[in-house]
Amino acid sequence: MGGRLIVTCRTRAEAQSALAQVTKILEKLGVTLNREKTRIVHIAQGFEFLGFKIGRGKGRFKLNRDRITSKLNRQNLYAIPTQKSLDRFKDQIRALTQRKIPLRMGELIKTINPIIRGWGNYYCRSQVRKRFHQLDGWVVRRLWSHRTKQWRNTVGRTFPKHGCGGSSSWSSLSH
C-alpha cells in the first residue's frame, strides 16, 4: 500500500506537466509511480479516491445562487461513498447480525455501534444524508430480523409490537 495523491489542474496540458514534475520528484526520493493506477481524468468523468466517488454534479442547486453563502462548492462538486465501501459496510453488519448469533439485542447494538459510528464519521463530510437514511432503515431491519429469530427460539415470551405505539421500536431495540 503506497501513498495516495491527487493533483488538480485547469487544463490537460497543466496536468501532464504536473505529472512529469511529480514523477521527477518521486524518482529523486527513490519512489516510482504505479503507471496502471496513475491517470489524468476530467472531473466530469469523476474518479474514486480513498472510498469516495468524486465528480461534478449534473443537477442544479436546490437553492438560488444568491442564497448560497459558502464559496466552497461553486463548481457543483460532490463526494459520495463508493459502492465497494457500501458493500463492505453492509457485509460487516451482516456478519454481526446473523440470525444464528446468540446475542441479546443490547449486546448486538453495542457490537455494531462502533462500526456504524466509524463509517458515519468517515463519510460525514460527503453528500450522504439520503444514503445514511437508507442505511439506517437497513440496519433497523437487520436488527428486527435478528430479534424475531431470537423470539421464535424462546418459549413463553411475548413479541413486542413493531411501530410507534406506547413503547417505540427504538426503545425496545435498545434494551
N, C-alpha and C. Protein backbone atom coordinates (compact mmCIF):
# COMPACT_ATOMS: atom_id res chain seq x y z
N MET A 1 0.86 -1.17 0.00
CA MET A 1 0.00 0.00 0.00
C MET A 1 0.90 1.22 0.00
N GLY A 2 0.82 1.96 -1.07
CA GLY A 2 1.64 3.15 -1.19
C GLY A 2 0.86 4.39 -0.85
N GLY A 3 1.50 5.52 -1.08
CA GLY A 3 0.85 6.79 -0.81
C GLY A 3 -0.20 7.12 -1.86
N ARG A 4 -1.07 8.00 -1.51
CA ARG A 4 -2.14 8.42 -2.42
C ARG A 4 -1.95 9.90 -2.71
N LEU A 5 -2.27 10.31 -3.93
CA LEU A 5 -2.04 11.69 -4.34
C LEU A 5 -3.03 12.09 -5.42
N ILE A 6 -3.60 13.28 -5.25
CA ILE A 6 -4.43 13.88 -6.29
C ILE A 6 -3.83 15.24 -6.59
N VAL A 7 -3.70 15.54 -7.87
CA VAL A 7 -3.24 16.86 -8.30
C VAL A 7 -4.34 17.42 -9.19
N THR A 8 -4.82 18.61 -8.87
CA THR A 8 -5.87 19.22 -9.70
C THR A 8 -5.26 20.33 -10.54
N CYS A 9 -5.68 20.39 -11.78
CA CYS A 9 -5.17 21.39 -12.73
C CYS A 9 -6.34 21.91 -13.55
N ARG A 10 -6.12 23.03 -14.21
CA ARG A 10 -7.17 23.62 -15.04
C ARG A 10 -7.24 23.00 -16.42
N THR A 11 -6.09 22.60 -16.98
CA THR A 11 -6.08 22.04 -18.34
C THR A 11 -5.35 20.71 -18.36
N ARG A 12 -5.55 19.97 -19.45
CA ARG A 12 -4.86 18.69 -19.61
C ARG A 12 -3.35 18.90 -19.72
N ALA A 13 -2.93 19.96 -20.39
CA ALA A 13 -1.50 20.26 -20.53
C ALA A 13 -0.87 20.51 -19.16
N GLU A 14 -1.56 21.28 -18.31
CA GLU A 14 -1.06 21.52 -16.95
C GLU A 14 -0.96 20.20 -16.18
N ALA A 15 -1.94 19.33 -16.37
CA ALA A 15 -1.94 18.03 -15.68
C ALA A 15 -0.77 17.17 -16.13
N GLN A 16 -0.48 17.15 -17.44
CA GLN A 16 0.65 16.38 -17.94
C GLN A 16 1.97 16.93 -17.42
N SER A 17 2.07 18.25 -17.36
CA SER A 17 3.27 18.88 -16.82
C SER A 17 3.44 18.54 -15.33
N ALA A 18 2.34 18.61 -14.57
CA ALA A 18 2.39 18.29 -13.14
C ALA A 18 2.78 16.83 -12.93
N LEU A 19 2.28 15.95 -13.78
CA LEU A 19 2.63 14.52 -13.68
C LEU A 19 4.12 14.32 -13.90
N ALA A 20 4.68 15.01 -14.89
CA ALA A 20 6.11 14.90 -15.16
C ALA A 20 6.92 15.42 -13.96
N GLN A 21 6.50 16.52 -13.37
CA GLN A 21 7.21 17.08 -12.22
C GLN A 21 7.12 16.15 -11.01
N VAL A 22 5.94 15.61 -10.76
CA VAL A 22 5.76 14.69 -9.63
C VAL A 22 6.62 13.44 -9.84
N THR A 23 6.67 12.95 -11.07
CA THR A 23 7.48 11.77 -11.37
C THR A 23 8.95 12.03 -11.07
N LYS A 24 9.47 13.21 -11.47
CA LYS A 24 10.86 13.57 -11.20
C LYS A 24 11.14 13.64 -9.70
N ILE A 25 10.26 14.30 -8.98
CA ILE A 25 10.46 14.46 -7.53
C ILE A 25 10.45 13.10 -6.84
N LEU A 26 9.50 12.26 -7.21
CA LEU A 26 9.41 10.94 -6.58
C LEU A 26 10.61 10.06 -6.92
N GLU A 27 11.12 10.18 -8.16
CA GLU A 27 12.30 9.40 -8.54
C GLU A 27 13.51 9.81 -7.71
N LYS A 28 13.64 11.12 -7.41
CA LYS A 28 14.73 11.58 -6.55
C LYS A 28 14.63 10.97 -5.16
N LEU A 29 13.41 10.72 -4.72
CA LEU A 29 13.18 10.12 -3.41
C LEU A 29 13.25 8.59 -3.45
N GLY A 30 13.45 8.03 -4.64
CA GLY A 30 13.54 6.58 -4.78
C GLY A 30 12.18 5.89 -4.86
N VAL A 31 11.17 6.63 -5.25
CA VAL A 31 9.82 6.09 -5.36
C VAL A 31 9.36 6.21 -6.81
N THR A 32 8.67 5.18 -7.28
CA THR A 32 8.14 5.26 -8.65
C THR A 32 6.62 5.24 -8.61
N LEU A 33 6.01 5.88 -9.58
CA LEU A 33 4.56 5.88 -9.71
C LEU A 33 4.10 4.57 -10.32
N ASN A 34 2.97 4.09 -9.88
CA ASN A 34 2.36 2.92 -10.47
C ASN A 34 1.62 3.38 -11.73
N ARG A 35 2.15 3.04 -12.90
CA ARG A 35 1.58 3.51 -14.17
C ARG A 35 0.15 3.00 -14.40
N GLU A 36 -0.17 1.84 -13.84
CA GLU A 36 -1.51 1.30 -14.02
C GLU A 36 -2.56 2.12 -13.26
N LYS A 37 -2.15 2.67 -12.12
CA LYS A 37 -3.10 3.43 -11.30
C LYS A 37 -3.03 4.93 -11.56
N THR A 38 -2.00 5.39 -12.21
CA THR A 38 -1.83 6.81 -12.46
C THR A 38 -2.57 7.19 -13.74
N ARG A 39 -3.40 8.20 -13.64
CA ARG A 39 -4.14 8.62 -14.83
C ARG A 39 -4.55 10.08 -14.72
N ILE A 40 -4.81 10.65 -15.86
CA ILE A 40 -5.33 12.01 -15.94
C ILE A 40 -6.78 11.89 -16.36
N VAL A 41 -7.66 12.50 -15.58
CA VAL A 41 -9.08 12.35 -15.82
C VAL A 41 -9.77 13.71 -15.62
N HIS A 42 -10.76 13.98 -16.45
CA HIS A 42 -11.54 15.20 -16.30
C HIS A 42 -12.54 15.01 -15.16
N ILE A 43 -12.79 16.05 -14.39
CA ILE A 43 -13.65 15.96 -13.23
C ILE A 43 -15.08 15.54 -13.60
N ALA A 44 -15.51 15.84 -14.81
CA ALA A 44 -16.86 15.45 -15.24
C ALA A 44 -17.00 13.92 -15.27
N GLN A 45 -15.90 13.21 -15.57
CA GLN A 45 -15.91 11.75 -15.55
C GLN A 45 -15.99 11.22 -14.13
N GLY A 46 -15.37 11.94 -13.22
CA GLY A 46 -15.31 11.50 -11.83
C GLY A 46 -14.22 10.46 -11.63
N PHE A 47 -13.88 10.23 -10.38
CA PHE A 47 -12.87 9.23 -10.04
C PHE A 47 -13.09 8.77 -8.60
N GLU A 48 -12.53 7.62 -8.28
CA GLU A 48 -12.64 7.08 -6.93
C GLU A 48 -11.32 7.31 -6.21
N PHE A 49 -11.44 7.72 -4.95
CA PHE A 49 -10.25 8.01 -4.15
C PHE A 49 -10.57 7.77 -2.68
N LEU A 50 -9.84 6.85 -2.05
CA LEU A 50 -9.97 6.55 -0.63
C LEU A 50 -11.42 6.29 -0.19
N GLY A 51 -12.14 5.53 -0.99
CA GLY A 51 -13.50 5.16 -0.64
C GLY A 51 -14.56 6.16 -1.07
N PHE A 52 -14.15 7.25 -1.73
CA PHE A 52 -15.09 8.26 -2.20
C PHE A 52 -15.17 8.24 -3.71
N LYS A 53 -16.34 8.49 -4.24
CA LYS A 53 -16.51 8.77 -5.67
C LYS A 53 -16.65 10.28 -5.76
N ILE A 54 -15.71 10.91 -6.46
CA ILE A 54 -15.65 12.36 -6.55
C ILE A 54 -15.93 12.75 -7.99
N GLY A 55 -16.77 13.74 -8.18
CA GLY A 55 -17.09 14.18 -9.53
C GLY A 55 -17.85 15.49 -9.52
N ARG A 56 -18.27 15.88 -10.68
CA ARG A 56 -19.06 17.10 -10.82
C ARG A 56 -20.51 16.71 -11.06
N GLY A 57 -21.40 17.31 -10.30
CA GLY A 57 -22.82 17.01 -10.41
C GLY A 57 -23.42 17.57 -11.67
N LYS A 58 -24.46 16.91 -12.15
CA LYS A 58 -25.15 17.37 -13.35
C LYS A 58 -26.36 18.22 -12.99
N GLY A 59 -26.85 18.04 -11.77
CA GLY A 59 -28.05 18.74 -11.37
C GLY A 59 -27.80 20.19 -10.99
N ARG A 60 -28.89 20.89 -10.78
CA ARG A 60 -28.80 22.28 -10.38
C ARG A 60 -28.89 22.36 -8.87
N PHE A 61 -28.41 23.47 -8.32
CA PHE A 61 -28.54 23.69 -6.89
C PHE A 61 -30.01 23.82 -6.52
N LYS A 62 -30.37 23.33 -5.35
CA LYS A 62 -31.75 23.44 -4.90
C LYS A 62 -32.05 24.84 -4.40
N LEU A 63 -31.02 25.57 -4.01
CA LEU A 63 -31.19 26.95 -3.57
C LEU A 63 -30.79 27.89 -4.70
N ASN A 64 -31.34 29.07 -4.68
CA ASN A 64 -30.90 30.07 -5.65
C ASN A 64 -29.44 30.43 -5.36
N ARG A 65 -28.72 30.82 -6.38
CA ARG A 65 -27.30 31.17 -6.22
C ARG A 65 -27.09 32.25 -5.16
N ASP A 66 -28.00 33.24 -5.09
CA ASP A 66 -27.82 34.33 -4.13
C ASP A 66 -28.06 33.87 -2.69
N ARG A 67 -28.70 32.72 -2.49
CA ARG A 67 -28.95 32.20 -1.14
C ARG A 67 -27.80 31.34 -0.64
N ILE A 68 -26.90 30.92 -1.53
CA ILE A 68 -25.77 30.09 -1.14
C ILE A 68 -24.66 31.00 -0.64
N THR A 69 -24.32 30.85 0.64
CA THR A 69 -23.30 31.73 1.23
C THR A 69 -21.90 31.14 1.15
N SER A 70 -21.80 29.82 1.10
CA SER A 70 -20.49 29.18 1.06
C SER A 70 -19.87 29.33 -0.33
N LYS A 71 -18.60 29.58 -0.37
CA LYS A 71 -17.89 29.67 -1.65
C LYS A 71 -17.10 28.39 -1.93
N LEU A 72 -17.30 27.37 -1.10
CA LEU A 72 -16.52 26.15 -1.21
C LEU A 72 -16.91 25.28 -2.40
N ASN A 73 -18.17 25.26 -2.77
CA ASN A 73 -18.60 24.31 -3.80
C ASN A 73 -19.29 25.02 -4.96
N ARG A 74 -18.69 26.01 -5.50
CA ARG A 74 -19.26 26.74 -6.63
C ARG A 74 -19.21 25.92 -7.92
N GLN A 75 -18.38 24.90 -7.97
CA GLN A 75 -18.23 24.09 -9.19
C GLN A 75 -19.19 22.89 -9.21
N ASN A 76 -20.09 22.80 -8.22
CA ASN A 76 -21.06 21.71 -8.13
C ASN A 76 -20.37 20.35 -8.03
N LEU A 77 -19.31 20.28 -7.21
CA LEU A 77 -18.60 19.02 -7.00
C LEU A 77 -19.30 18.21 -5.92
N TYR A 78 -19.16 16.91 -6.00
CA TYR A 78 -19.74 16.04 -4.98
C TYR A 78 -18.75 14.95 -4.61
N ALA A 79 -18.95 14.38 -3.44
CA ALA A 79 -18.20 13.22 -2.99
C ALA A 79 -19.19 12.31 -2.29
N ILE A 80 -19.25 11.07 -2.72
CA ILE A 80 -20.15 10.10 -2.12
C ILE A 80 -19.36 8.81 -1.87
N PRO A 81 -19.82 7.97 -0.95
CA PRO A 81 -19.13 6.69 -0.74
C PRO A 81 -19.21 5.81 -2.00
N THR A 82 -18.15 5.09 -2.29
CA THR A 82 -18.17 4.18 -3.43
C THR A 82 -19.05 2.98 -3.11
N GLN A 83 -19.51 2.31 -4.15
CA GLN A 83 -20.33 1.12 -3.96
C GLN A 83 -19.54 0.05 -3.20
N LYS A 84 -18.25 -0.03 -3.46
CA LYS A 84 -17.40 -1.00 -2.78
C LYS A 84 -17.39 -0.77 -1.27
N SER A 85 -17.30 0.51 -0.85
CA SER A 85 -17.28 0.78 0.59
C SER A 85 -18.66 0.53 1.21
N LEU A 86 -19.75 0.82 0.47
CA LEU A 86 -21.09 0.49 0.96
C LEU A 86 -21.24 -1.02 1.15
N ASP A 87 -20.79 -1.78 0.18
CA ASP A 87 -20.87 -3.24 0.26
C ASP A 87 -20.07 -3.78 1.44
N ARG A 88 -18.87 -3.22 1.65
CA ARG A 88 -18.03 -3.67 2.76
C ARG A 88 -18.70 -3.37 4.11
N PHE A 89 -19.30 -2.17 4.23
CA PHE A 89 -20.02 -1.81 5.45
C PHE A 89 -21.16 -2.77 5.70
N LYS A 90 -21.97 -3.04 4.67
CA LYS A 90 -23.10 -3.94 4.82
C LYS A 90 -22.64 -5.36 5.16
N ASP A 91 -21.53 -5.80 4.57
CA ASP A 91 -21.01 -7.13 4.88
C ASP A 91 -20.59 -7.23 6.35
N GLN A 92 -19.98 -6.16 6.87
CA GLN A 92 -19.59 -6.16 8.29
C GLN A 92 -20.83 -6.26 9.18
N ILE A 93 -21.85 -5.49 8.88
CA ILE A 93 -23.08 -5.51 9.68
C ILE A 93 -23.78 -6.85 9.53
N ARG A 94 -23.82 -7.39 8.30
CA ARG A 94 -24.45 -8.70 8.07
C ARG A 94 -23.77 -9.78 8.90
N ALA A 95 -22.44 -9.75 8.93
CA ALA A 95 -21.70 -10.77 9.67
C ALA A 95 -22.02 -10.72 11.17
N LEU A 96 -22.24 -9.52 11.68
CA LEU A 96 -22.51 -9.37 13.12
C LEU A 96 -23.98 -9.55 13.48
N THR A 97 -24.88 -9.44 12.50
CA THR A 97 -26.31 -9.56 12.80
C THR A 97 -26.91 -10.83 12.22
N GLN A 98 -26.07 -11.82 12.00
CA GLN A 98 -26.62 -13.09 11.52
C GLN A 98 -27.62 -13.61 12.54
N ARG A 99 -28.67 -14.18 12.04
CA ARG A 99 -29.75 -14.60 12.93
C ARG A 99 -29.34 -15.75 13.83
N LYS A 100 -28.29 -16.47 13.47
CA LYS A 100 -27.87 -17.61 14.30
C LYS A 100 -26.96 -17.20 15.45
N ILE A 101 -26.50 -15.94 15.47
CA ILE A 101 -25.61 -15.48 16.54
C ILE A 101 -26.44 -15.25 17.80
N PRO A 102 -26.08 -15.92 18.91
CA PRO A 102 -26.90 -15.86 20.12
C PRO A 102 -26.59 -14.65 21.02
N LEU A 103 -26.76 -13.45 20.49
CA LEU A 103 -26.53 -12.25 21.29
C LEU A 103 -27.86 -11.60 21.64
N ARG A 104 -27.91 -11.02 22.83
CA ARG A 104 -29.08 -10.23 23.19
C ARG A 104 -29.02 -8.93 22.40
N MET A 105 -30.15 -8.25 22.28
CA MET A 105 -30.23 -7.05 21.46
C MET A 105 -29.27 -5.96 21.95
N GLY A 106 -29.19 -5.76 23.25
CA GLY A 106 -28.28 -4.75 23.80
C GLY A 106 -26.83 -5.02 23.45
N GLU A 107 -26.43 -6.29 23.57
CA GLU A 107 -25.05 -6.67 23.23
C GLU A 107 -24.78 -6.49 21.75
N LEU A 108 -25.78 -6.84 20.94
CA LEU A 108 -25.64 -6.71 19.49
C LEU A 108 -25.47 -5.24 19.09
N ILE A 109 -26.28 -4.37 19.70
CA ILE A 109 -26.19 -2.94 19.39
C ILE A 109 -24.83 -2.39 19.83
N LYS A 110 -24.35 -2.81 21.00
CA LYS A 110 -23.01 -2.38 21.47
C LYS A 110 -21.92 -2.85 20.51
N THR A 111 -22.12 -3.99 19.89
CA THR A 111 -21.14 -4.53 18.96
C THR A 111 -21.12 -3.75 17.64
N ILE A 112 -22.29 -3.42 17.11
CA ILE A 112 -22.31 -2.77 15.79
C ILE A 112 -22.18 -1.25 15.86
N ASN A 113 -22.45 -0.64 17.02
CA ASN A 113 -22.37 0.82 17.11
C ASN A 113 -21.01 1.40 16.71
N PRO A 114 -19.88 0.83 17.16
CA PRO A 114 -18.59 1.40 16.73
C PRO A 114 -18.39 1.36 15.22
N ILE A 115 -18.89 0.33 14.57
CA ILE A 115 -18.76 0.22 13.11
C ILE A 115 -19.60 1.31 12.44
N ILE A 116 -20.83 1.47 12.91
CA ILE A 116 -21.71 2.48 12.33
C ILE A 116 -21.15 3.88 12.56
N ARG A 117 -20.69 4.15 13.79
CA ARG A 117 -20.12 5.46 14.10
C ARG A 117 -18.86 5.74 13.27
N GLY A 118 -18.00 4.75 13.16
CA GLY A 118 -16.77 4.93 12.39
C GLY A 118 -17.05 5.23 10.93
N TRP A 119 -17.95 4.46 10.34
CA TRP A 119 -18.32 4.68 8.94
C TRP A 119 -18.96 6.04 8.77
N GLY A 120 -19.86 6.38 9.69
CA GLY A 120 -20.54 7.66 9.63
C GLY A 120 -19.59 8.84 9.78
N ASN A 121 -18.64 8.73 10.70
CA ASN A 121 -17.67 9.81 10.90
C ASN A 121 -16.75 9.96 9.69
N TYR A 122 -16.38 8.86 9.06
CA TYR A 122 -15.50 8.93 7.90
C TYR A 122 -16.19 9.62 6.72
N TYR A 123 -17.46 9.32 6.51
CA TYR A 123 -18.18 9.85 5.35
C TYR A 123 -19.06 11.05 5.67
N CYS A 124 -19.00 11.60 6.88
CA CYS A 124 -19.94 12.66 7.26
C CYS A 124 -19.75 13.94 6.46
N ARG A 125 -18.61 14.19 5.89
CA ARG A 125 -18.38 15.41 5.11
C ARG A 125 -18.83 15.30 3.66
N SER A 126 -19.26 14.13 3.26
CA SER A 126 -19.71 13.96 1.87
C SER A 126 -21.23 14.11 1.79
N GLN A 127 -21.75 14.07 0.59
CA GLN A 127 -23.19 14.23 0.39
C GLN A 127 -23.88 12.88 0.60
N VAL A 128 -24.21 12.58 1.86
CA VAL A 128 -24.73 11.25 2.18
C VAL A 128 -26.00 11.24 3.03
N ARG A 129 -26.67 12.35 3.15
CA ARG A 129 -27.84 12.38 4.02
C ARG A 129 -28.87 11.32 3.59
N LYS A 130 -29.17 11.25 2.33
CA LYS A 130 -30.15 10.27 1.83
C LYS A 130 -29.61 8.84 2.02
N ARG A 131 -28.33 8.66 1.74
CA ARG A 131 -27.71 7.33 1.90
C ARG A 131 -27.70 6.90 3.37
N PHE A 132 -27.39 7.82 4.30
CA PHE A 132 -27.42 7.50 5.72
C PHE A 132 -28.83 7.09 6.14
N HIS A 133 -29.84 7.77 5.62
CA HIS A 133 -31.22 7.43 5.96
C HIS A 133 -31.56 6.02 5.46
N GLN A 134 -31.13 5.68 4.25
CA GLN A 134 -31.36 4.34 3.70
C GLN A 134 -30.66 3.28 4.54
N LEU A 135 -29.40 3.55 4.89
CA LEU A 135 -28.64 2.59 5.69
C LEU A 135 -29.22 2.44 7.09
N ASP A 136 -29.73 3.51 7.65
CA ASP A 136 -30.35 3.45 8.97
C ASP A 136 -31.54 2.49 8.94
N GLY A 137 -32.38 2.62 7.93
CA GLY A 137 -33.52 1.71 7.78
C GLY A 137 -33.06 0.28 7.57
N TRP A 138 -32.00 0.10 6.81
CA TRP A 138 -31.48 -1.24 6.55
C TRP A 138 -30.96 -1.88 7.84
N VAL A 139 -30.23 -1.12 8.65
CA VAL A 139 -29.70 -1.65 9.91
C VAL A 139 -30.85 -1.99 10.85
N VAL A 140 -31.86 -1.14 10.94
CA VAL A 140 -33.02 -1.43 11.80
C VAL A 140 -33.70 -2.72 11.35
N ARG A 141 -33.85 -2.91 10.05
CA ARG A 141 -34.46 -4.16 9.55
C ARG A 141 -33.61 -5.37 9.91
N ARG A 142 -32.28 -5.21 9.84
CA ARG A 142 -31.38 -6.32 10.24
C ARG A 142 -31.57 -6.65 11.71
N LEU A 143 -31.68 -5.61 12.54
CA LEU A 143 -31.86 -5.84 13.98
C LEU A 143 -33.21 -6.49 14.26
N TRP A 144 -34.26 -6.05 13.57
CA TRP A 144 -35.57 -6.66 13.77
C TRP A 144 -35.55 -8.11 13.31
N SER A 145 -34.87 -8.40 12.24
CA SER A 145 -34.77 -9.77 11.75
C SER A 145 -34.07 -10.64 12.79
N HIS A 146 -33.01 -10.12 13.36
CA HIS A 146 -32.28 -10.85 14.41
C HIS A 146 -33.20 -11.07 15.62
N ARG A 147 -33.93 -10.04 15.98
CA ARG A 147 -34.80 -10.14 17.15
C ARG A 147 -35.94 -11.13 16.93
N THR A 148 -36.54 -11.13 15.75
CA THR A 148 -37.65 -12.06 15.50
C THR A 148 -37.15 -13.50 15.53
N LYS A 149 -35.94 -13.73 15.06
CA LYS A 149 -35.38 -15.08 15.11
C LYS A 149 -35.17 -15.49 16.56
N GLN A 150 -34.65 -14.57 17.39
CA GLN A 150 -34.45 -14.89 18.79
C GLN A 150 -35.80 -15.17 19.46
N TRP A 151 -36.82 -14.40 19.11
CA TRP A 151 -38.14 -14.57 19.72
C TRP A 151 -38.72 -15.93 19.37
N ARG A 152 -38.54 -16.37 18.13
CA ARG A 152 -39.08 -17.66 17.72
C ARG A 152 -38.40 -18.81 18.44
N ASN A 153 -37.17 -18.59 18.89
CA ASN A 153 -36.42 -19.67 19.54
C ASN A 153 -36.59 -19.68 21.05
N THR A 154 -37.42 -18.82 21.62
CA THR A 154 -37.63 -18.82 23.06
C THR A 154 -39.08 -19.12 23.35
N VAL A 155 -39.31 -19.78 24.46
CA VAL A 155 -40.67 -20.20 24.81
C VAL A 155 -41.23 -19.21 25.84
N GLY A 156 -42.48 -18.83 25.66
CA GLY A 156 -43.17 -18.04 26.67
C GLY A 156 -42.96 -16.54 26.59
N ARG A 157 -42.19 -16.05 25.65
CA ARG A 157 -42.00 -14.60 25.53
C ARG A 157 -43.05 -14.02 24.61
N THR A 158 -43.50 -12.85 24.94
CA THR A 158 -44.41 -12.16 24.03
C THR A 158 -43.59 -11.23 23.16
N PHE A 159 -43.91 -11.23 21.90
CA PHE A 159 -43.17 -10.40 20.95
C PHE A 159 -43.71 -8.98 20.98
N PRO A 160 -42.83 -7.98 21.12
CA PRO A 160 -43.30 -6.59 21.16
C PRO A 160 -43.84 -6.17 19.81
N LYS A 161 -44.81 -5.26 19.84
CA LYS A 161 -45.38 -4.75 18.59
C LYS A 161 -44.37 -3.86 17.90
N HIS A 162 -44.30 -3.98 16.58
CA HIS A 162 -43.41 -3.14 15.78
C HIS A 162 -44.16 -1.86 15.44
N GLY A 163 -43.60 -0.75 15.78
CA GLY A 163 -44.26 0.52 15.47
C GLY A 163 -44.02 1.53 16.55
N CYS A 164 -44.75 2.60 16.49
CA CYS A 164 -44.54 3.72 17.41
C CYS A 164 -45.71 3.85 18.35
N GLY A 165 -46.10 2.77 19.01
CA GLY A 165 -47.18 2.83 19.98
C GLY A 165 -46.64 3.38 21.29
N GLY A 166 -47.13 2.83 22.40
CA GLY A 166 -46.68 3.29 23.71
C GLY A 166 -45.20 3.06 23.91
N SER A 167 -44.70 1.94 23.45
CA SER A 167 -43.27 1.65 23.55
C SER A 167 -42.74 1.62 22.13
N SER A 168 -41.92 2.59 21.77
CA SER A 168 -41.47 2.68 20.38
C SER A 168 -40.48 1.58 20.06
N SER A 169 -40.32 1.33 18.78
CA SER A 169 -39.40 0.28 18.35
C SER A 169 -37.98 0.60 18.78
N TRP A 170 -37.63 1.88 18.83
CA TRP A 170 -36.27 2.25 19.23
C TRP A 170 -36.01 1.90 20.67
N SER A 171 -36.96 2.17 21.56
CA SER A 171 -36.71 1.86 22.97
C SER A 171 -36.67 0.36 23.19
N SER A 172 -37.49 -0.40 22.46
CA SER A 172 -37.47 -1.84 22.66
C SER A 172 -36.23 -2.47 22.03
N LEU A 173 -35.67 -1.84 21.00
CA LEU A 173 -34.44 -2.37 20.41
C LEU A 173 -33.24 -2.10 21.30
N SER A 174 -33.26 -0.99 22.02
CA SER A 174 -32.06 -0.61 22.76
C SER A 174 -31.97 -1.26 24.13
N HIS A 175 -33.00 -1.98 24.57
CA HIS A 175 -32.95 -2.58 25.91
C HIS A 175 -32.75 -4.06 25.85
